[in-house]
Amino acid sequence: MNVVALAGGVGAARFLTGLVRAVDPSALTVIANTGDDLRLHGLHVSPDLDTITYTLGGGVHPEQGWGRADETSTVATELAQRYGRPSWFTLGDRDLATHLVRSERLAAGASLSQVTAEIAGAWGLPFVLLPMTDDPVETRILTTDGRDLGFQRWWVGERAAPAVERVWLAGAERSRPAAGVLTAIEQADVVVLCPSNPVVSIGTILAVPGIRSALLPATVVGVSPIVGGRVVRGMADRLLPAVGANVNAAGVARLYADFLDGWVIDDADAALGEQIAAQGPKVAVTDTIMDTVEVTESLARTVLGLA
């Protein structure tokens, strides 16, 4: 079975730890969001690509779910205290190695997908990891007080405090899917929407021209990132109203209504099952709180079974 997963950061990475136990990893392609990417201290940082790589490569910080295990911040401290460089986004010392390699290769003319493959190979990932696009794009946030902020500045720098009026992927209209993305979708037996932020993870992937239309003939199933009307982690509840969606499992499913064939919701949302099914997709109800790898694997098998 050929499987494609559309993925954001922490939630997707955790789900993938179960998915690689439920399918042959060599038949899996993961397409990751790059709208969160930023340049910092002259380096190209790809948070979602790195979170997936570190998690599935066995090097992620276990409590945070992002960044490196056994991390230090000597360089970040020196940059901030001695040189007065911005300190709102901290790059750990081990993490810096990844950004240095990526930035060096990009400067030498390699594409982001080529560099991603090289980094994934260095970490021994058993599946194909692709960025959604090789082109420069950036998720932007327009706050209700009129400020236009990069996503990371809003999320990390301002701790998602400002209310949001609009969210968009800057540069989307000039972007194309990275090499291999459309082919992987076309050849997939099932496309899985990981339990990622529907606005700034899955939504940004869908904003790249050609990806959403490629999903129309595909078999697409997903996992709701909203449980009991609340986010499991992250800030989707702050962003869903800005795109006119209700903060519940049904509201998220409606964002994918044109191509969604199956939707997995948590036991806490069983009462929404009929409402979601009336929108078109088949519905499965199970435990979606991925607190153990066994639960995560069971969730992945439920998703595949629904397909």
Protein backbone atom coordinates (compact mmCIF):
# COMPACT_ATOMS: atom_id res chain seq x y z
CA MET A 1 0.00 0.00 0.00
CA ASN A 2 1.41 3.37 -1.06
CA VAL A 3 0.64 6.00 1.56
CA VAL A 4 1.13 9.77 1.46
CA ALA A 5 0.86 11.83 4.65
CA LEU A 6 0.39 15.59 4.71
CA ALA A 7 2.11 16.81 7.84
CA GLY A 8 2.81 19.77 10.06
CA GLY A 9 5.06 19.63 13.10
CA VAL A 10 4.69 18.05 16.54
CA GLY A 11 1.27 16.41 16.19
CA ALA A 12 2.10 15.02 12.78
CA ALA A 13 5.49 13.75 13.89
CA ARG A 14 3.91 11.92 16.81
CA PHE A 15 1.27 10.39 14.53
CA LEU A 16 3.96 9.27 12.10
CA THR A 17 5.64 7.22 14.86
CA GLY A 18 2.51 5.06 14.78
CA LEU A 19 2.03 5.17 11.02
CA VAL A 20 5.48 3.72 10.32
CA ARG A 21 4.50 0.75 12.51
CA ALA A 22 1.23 0.28 10.64
CA VAL A 23 2.58 0.42 7.07
CA ASP A 24 5.78 -0.44 5.26
CA PRO A 25 7.81 2.78 5.72
CA SER A 26 9.44 2.31 2.32
CA ALA A 27 5.98 2.83 0.78
CA LEU A 28 5.38 6.06 2.72
CA THR A 29 5.90 9.61 1.50
CA VAL A 30 5.52 12.51 3.94
CA ILE A 31 4.82 15.96 2.51
CA ALA A 32 5.60 18.61 5.10
CA ASN A 33 4.56 22.21 5.59
CA THR A 34 7.21 24.84 4.91
CA GLY A 35 5.09 27.93 5.55
CA ASP A 36 6.69 28.11 9.02
CA ASP A 37 10.20 28.40 7.55
CA LEU A 38 12.21 31.49 8.44
CA ARG A 39 15.65 32.99 8.09
CA LEU A 40 17.44 33.68 11.35
CA HIS A 41 21.07 34.70 11.86
CA GLY A 42 21.52 34.14 8.13
CA LEU A 43 20.31 30.53 8.37
CA HIS A 44 17.34 28.81 6.72
CA VAL A 45 15.27 27.17 9.46
CA SER A 46 12.55 24.62 8.58
CA PRO A 47 10.78 23.83 11.88
CA ASP A 48 8.28 21.24 10.64
CA LEU A 49 10.76 19.35 8.48
CA ASP A 50 13.17 19.26 11.41
CA THR A 51 10.58 18.16 13.97
CA ILE A 52 9.61 15.23 11.75
CA THR A 53 13.26 14.37 11.13
CA TYR A 54 14.29 14.53 14.78
CA THR A 55 11.23 12.64 16.01
CA LEU A 56 11.40 9.77 13.54
CA GLY A 57 15.21 9.79 13.65
CA GLY A 58 15.20 9.34 17.43
CA GLY A 59 16.78 12.68 18.37
CA VAL A 60 13.86 14.87 19.41
CA HIS A 61 13.55 16.47 22.84
CA PRO A 62 11.16 14.02 24.53
CA GLU A 63 9.27 16.51 26.70
CA GLN A 64 8.99 19.35 24.20
CA GLY A 65 8.25 17.23 21.15
CA TRP A 66 10.45 19.61 19.11
CA GLY A 67 14.15 20.55 19.08
CA ARG A 68 16.98 18.23 19.97
CA ALA A 69 17.38 16.00 22.99
CA ASP A 70 20.28 16.88 25.33
CA GLU A 71 20.34 20.37 23.83
CA THR A 72 22.38 23.38 24.96
CA SER A 73 22.14 27.03 23.93
CA THR A 74 25.66 28.40 24.25
CA VAL A 75 25.66 30.00 20.78
CA ALA A 76 22.20 31.54 21.23
CA THR A 77 23.24 33.02 24.58
CA GLU A 78 26.41 34.48 23.09
CA LEU A 79 24.52 35.96 20.14
CA ALA A 80 21.99 37.63 22.42
CA GLN A 81 24.16 38.79 25.32
CA ARG A 82 27.37 39.75 23.56
CA TYR A 83 26.14 40.81 20.14
CA GLY A 84 22.60 41.94 20.89
CA ARG A 85 21.09 39.68 18.27
CA PRO A 86 17.35 38.81 18.42
CA SER A 87 16.60 36.24 21.10
CA TRP A 88 12.88 35.60 20.59
CA PHE A 89 13.57 32.40 18.62
CA THR A 90 16.27 30.22 20.16
CA LEU A 91 18.34 27.84 18.05
CA GLY A 92 20.00 25.12 20.10
CA ASP A 93 23.63 24.19 19.54
CA ARG A 94 22.90 20.71 18.13
CA ASP A 95 20.03 22.09 16.09
CA LEU A 96 22.35 24.66 14.53
CA ALA A 97 24.22 21.91 12.70
CA THR A 98 21.11 21.07 10.68
CA HIS A 99 20.47 24.71 9.76
CA LEU A 100 24.11 25.24 8.80
CA VAL A 101 24.05 22.23 6.48
CA ARG A 102 20.73 23.27 4.94
CA SER A 103 21.81 26.87 4.43
CA GLU A 104 25.17 25.90 2.93
CA ARG A 105 23.60 23.50 0.44
CA LEU A 106 20.87 25.96 -0.55
CA ALA A 107 23.48 28.66 -1.12
CA ALA A 108 25.35 26.21 -3.37
CA GLY A 109 22.26 25.85 -5.56
CA ALA A 110 20.59 22.74 -4.19
CA SER A 111 16.80 22.74 -3.90
CA LEU A 112 15.07 22.45 -0.54
CA SER A 113 13.79 18.98 -1.51
CA GLN A 114 17.33 17.85 -2.37
CA VAL A 115 18.68 19.13 0.95
CA THR A 116 15.75 17.60 2.84
CA ALA A 117 16.55 14.21 1.30
CA GLU A 118 20.18 14.54 2.33
CA ILE A 119 19.31 15.47 5.92
CA ALA A 120 16.69 12.70 6.12
CA GLY A 121 19.31 10.24 4.88
CA ALA A 122 21.76 11.37 7.55
CA TRP A 123 19.11 10.61 10.16
CA GLY A 124 18.22 7.25 8.64
CA LEU A 125 14.57 8.03 7.97
CA PRO A 126 12.95 4.96 6.35
CA PHE A 127 10.42 6.97 4.30
CA VAL A 128 10.56 9.77 1.73
CA LEU A 129 10.31 13.24 3.27
CA LEU A 130 9.41 16.09 0.92
CA PRO A 131 8.82 19.80 1.50
CA MET A 132 5.52 20.94 0.05
CA THR A 133 7.40 23.32 -2.27
CA ASP A 134 10.96 24.31 -3.11
CA ASP A 135 9.85 27.90 -3.60
CA PRO A 136 10.05 30.62 -0.93
CA VAL A 137 6.71 31.00 0.86
CA GLU A 138 5.80 32.31 4.29
CA THR A 139 2.69 32.10 6.44
CA ARG A 140 1.65 35.60 7.44
CA ILE A 141 -0.70 36.76 10.21
CA LEU A 142 -2.69 39.99 10.11
CA THR A 143 -3.62 40.89 13.68
CA THR A 144 -6.79 42.76 14.60
CA ASP A 145 -4.65 45.74 15.62
CA GLY A 146 -3.39 45.99 12.04
CA ARG A 147 0.06 44.36 12.22
CA ASP A 148 1.36 42.06 9.49
CA LEU A 149 3.53 39.43 11.23
CA GLY A 150 5.41 36.39 10.08
CA PHE A 151 3.90 33.27 11.61
CA GLN A 152 6.88 32.51 13.86
CA ARG A 153 6.98 36.09 15.12
CA TRP A 154 3.29 35.82 16.06
CA TRP A 155 3.48 32.29 17.48
CA VAL A 156 6.87 32.31 19.22
CA GLY A 157 7.80 35.97 19.51
CA GLU A 158 4.39 37.15 20.74
CA ARG A 159 3.17 33.80 22.12
CA ALA A 160 0.07 33.91 19.90
CA ALA A 161 -1.36 36.68 22.08
CA PRO A 162 -2.58 39.11 19.37
CA ALA A 163 -6.04 38.33 18.01
CA VAL A 164 -6.01 37.25 14.35
CA GLU A 165 -7.97 38.80 11.52
CA ARG A 166 -6.46 37.02 8.52
CA VAL A 167 -4.01 34.23 7.71
CA TRP A 168 -2.41 33.65 4.31
CA LEU A 169 0.56 32.01 2.62
CA ALA A 170 2.64 34.79 1.08
CA GLY A 171 4.15 33.75 -2.24
CA ALA A 172 1.71 30.87 -2.73
CA GLU A 173 0.58 32.08 -6.15
CA ARG A 174 4.16 31.90 -7.45
CA SER A 175 4.94 28.51 -5.90
CA ARG A 176 4.81 25.01 -7.34
CA PRO A 177 4.72 21.64 -5.58
CA ALA A 178 8.20 20.29 -4.93
CA ALA A 179 9.49 17.58 -7.24
CA GLY A 180 7.77 14.31 -6.47
CA VAL A 181 4.82 15.75 -4.54
CA LEU A 182 2.14 15.42 -7.22
CA THR A 183 3.44 12.06 -8.42
CA ALA A 184 3.34 10.69 -4.88
CA ILE A 185 -0.27 11.83 -4.46
CA GLU A 186 -1.31 10.43 -7.83
CA GLN A 187 0.24 7.03 -7.04
CA ALA A 188 -1.01 6.82 -3.45
CA ASP A 189 -3.57 4.26 -2.39
CA VAL A 190 -4.46 6.58 0.45
CA VAL A 191 -3.56 10.13 1.45
CA VAL A 192 -3.58 10.78 5.20
CA LEU A 193 -4.12 14.19 6.77
CA CYS A 194 -2.13 14.04 9.99
CA PRO A 195 -3.64 15.66 13.12
CA SER A 196 -1.95 18.95 12.32
CA ASN A 197 -3.09 22.56 12.45
CA PRO A 198 -5.74 22.85 9.72
CA VAL A 199 -4.91 26.50 9.01
CA VAL A 200 -1.11 26.85 9.17
CA SER A 201 0.00 23.26 8.51
CA ILE A 202 -2.44 21.35 6.31
CA GLY A 203 -3.96 24.60 5.09
CA THR A 204 -0.65 25.95 3.87
CA ILE A 205 0.15 22.72 2.04
CA LEU A 206 -3.22 22.98 0.29
CA ALA A 207 -2.44 26.60 -0.64
CA VAL A 208 0.35 25.50 -2.99
CA PRO A 209 -1.25 25.50 -6.46
CA GLY A 210 -1.93 22.00 -7.75
CA ILE A 211 -1.94 20.11 -4.47
CA ARG A 212 -5.60 20.53 -3.54
CA SER A 213 -6.76 19.63 -7.03
CA ALA A 214 -4.52 16.54 -6.98
CA LEU A 215 -6.41 15.33 -3.90
CA LEU A 216 -9.84 15.41 -5.57
CA PRO A 217 -9.56 11.96 -7.21
CA ALA A 218 -7.52 10.48 -4.34
CA THR A 219 -8.75 8.54 -1.32
CA VAL A 220 -8.19 10.99 1.55
CA VAL A 221 -8.68 10.28 5.24
CA GLY A 222 -7.69 12.43 8.19
CA VAL A 223 -7.53 12.73 11.95
CA SER A 224 -9.17 15.65 13.72
CA PRO A 225 -6.70 17.78 15.68
CA ILE A 226 -9.59 19.14 17.75
CA VAL A 227 -10.88 17.01 20.64
CA GLY A 228 -13.91 18.01 22.65
CA GLY A 229 -13.86 21.50 21.14
CA ARG A 230 -10.27 22.10 22.27
CA VAL A 231 -6.87 21.84 20.65
CA VAL A 232 -4.66 19.00 21.85
CA ARG A 233 -1.69 21.31 21.43
CA GLY A 234 -0.83 24.39 19.41
CA MET A 235 -3.02 27.34 18.48
CA ALA A 236 -5.61 26.10 15.96
CA ASP A 237 -8.37 27.49 18.17
CA ARG A 238 -6.88 30.97 17.68
CA LEU A 239 -6.81 30.60 13.89
CA LEU A 240 -9.90 28.63 12.88
CA PRO A 241 -12.27 31.59 13.46
CA ALA A 242 -10.10 33.68 11.13
CA VAL A 243 -10.94 31.27 8.27
CA GLY A 244 -14.60 31.04 9.24
CA ALA A 245 -14.45 27.57 10.78
CA ASN A 246 -15.94 26.31 14.02
CA VAL A 247 -13.48 25.08 16.63
CA ASN A 248 -14.59 21.45 16.65
CA ALA A 249 -14.05 18.24 14.71
CA ALA A 250 -16.93 19.02 12.34
CA GLY A 251 -15.63 22.51 11.61
CA VAL A 252 -12.23 21.19 10.61
CA ALA A 253 -13.71 18.43 8.43
CA ARG A 254 -15.73 21.08 6.58
CA LEU A 255 -12.49 22.80 5.51
CA TYR A 256 -11.64 19.64 3.55
CA ALA A 257 -15.16 18.90 2.30
CA ASP A 258 -14.29 18.92 -1.41
CA PHE A 259 -11.90 15.96 -1.16
CA LEU A 260 -12.29 14.30 2.26
CA ASP A 261 -13.42 10.64 2.19
CA GLY A 262 -12.91 9.66 5.82
CA TRP A 263 -12.54 11.47 9.15
CA VAL A 264 -11.36 9.98 12.44
CA ILE A 265 -12.61 11.72 15.58
CA ASP A 266 -12.03 11.17 19.26
CA ASP A 267 -14.41 9.33 21.56
CA ALA A 268 -15.17 12.69 23.16
CA ASP A 269 -16.68 13.87 19.88
CA ALA A 270 -18.81 10.84 19.08
CA ALA A 271 -21.94 13.00 19.16
CA LEU A 272 -20.63 14.91 16.12
CA GLY A 273 -20.39 11.75 14.02
CA GLU A 274 -23.73 12.07 12.25
CA GLN A 275 -23.20 15.75 11.53
CA ILE A 276 -19.80 15.05 9.96
CA ALA A 277 -21.09 12.07 7.97
CA ALA A 278 -23.84 14.29 6.57
CA GLN A 279 -21.05 16.41 5.03
CA GLY A 280 -19.87 13.38 3.04
CA PRO A 281 -16.98 11.53 4.70
CA LYS A 282 -17.17 8.22 6.49
CA VAL A 283 -16.53 8.62 10.21
CA ALA A 284 -14.60 6.48 12.68
CA VAL A 285 -14.54 7.13 16.43
CA THR A 286 -11.59 6.09 18.57
CA ASP A 287 -9.02 7.29 21.09
CA THR A 288 -6.96 9.99 19.31
CA ILE A 289 -4.86 11.16 22.28
CA MET A 290 -1.43 9.89 21.30
CA ASP A 291 0.10 9.45 24.74
CA THR A 292 1.72 6.07 23.95
CA VAL A 293 3.12 4.60 20.77
CA GLU A 294 0.63 1.74 21.08
CA VAL A 295 -2.33 4.14 21.02
CA THR A 296 -0.70 6.02 18.16
CA GLU A 297 -0.24 2.84 16.13
CA SER A 298 -3.85 1.85 16.80
CA LEU A 299 -4.98 5.28 15.63
CA ALA A 300 -2.95 4.91 12.44
CA ARG A 301 -4.53 1.51 11.78
CA THR A 302 -7.98 2.99 12.32
CA VAL A 303 -7.20 5.66 9.72
CA LEU A 304 -6.00 3.08 7.20
CA GLY A 305 -8.98 0.85 7.93
CA LEU A 306 -11.34 3.72 7.21
CA ALA A 307 -9.65 4.20 3.83
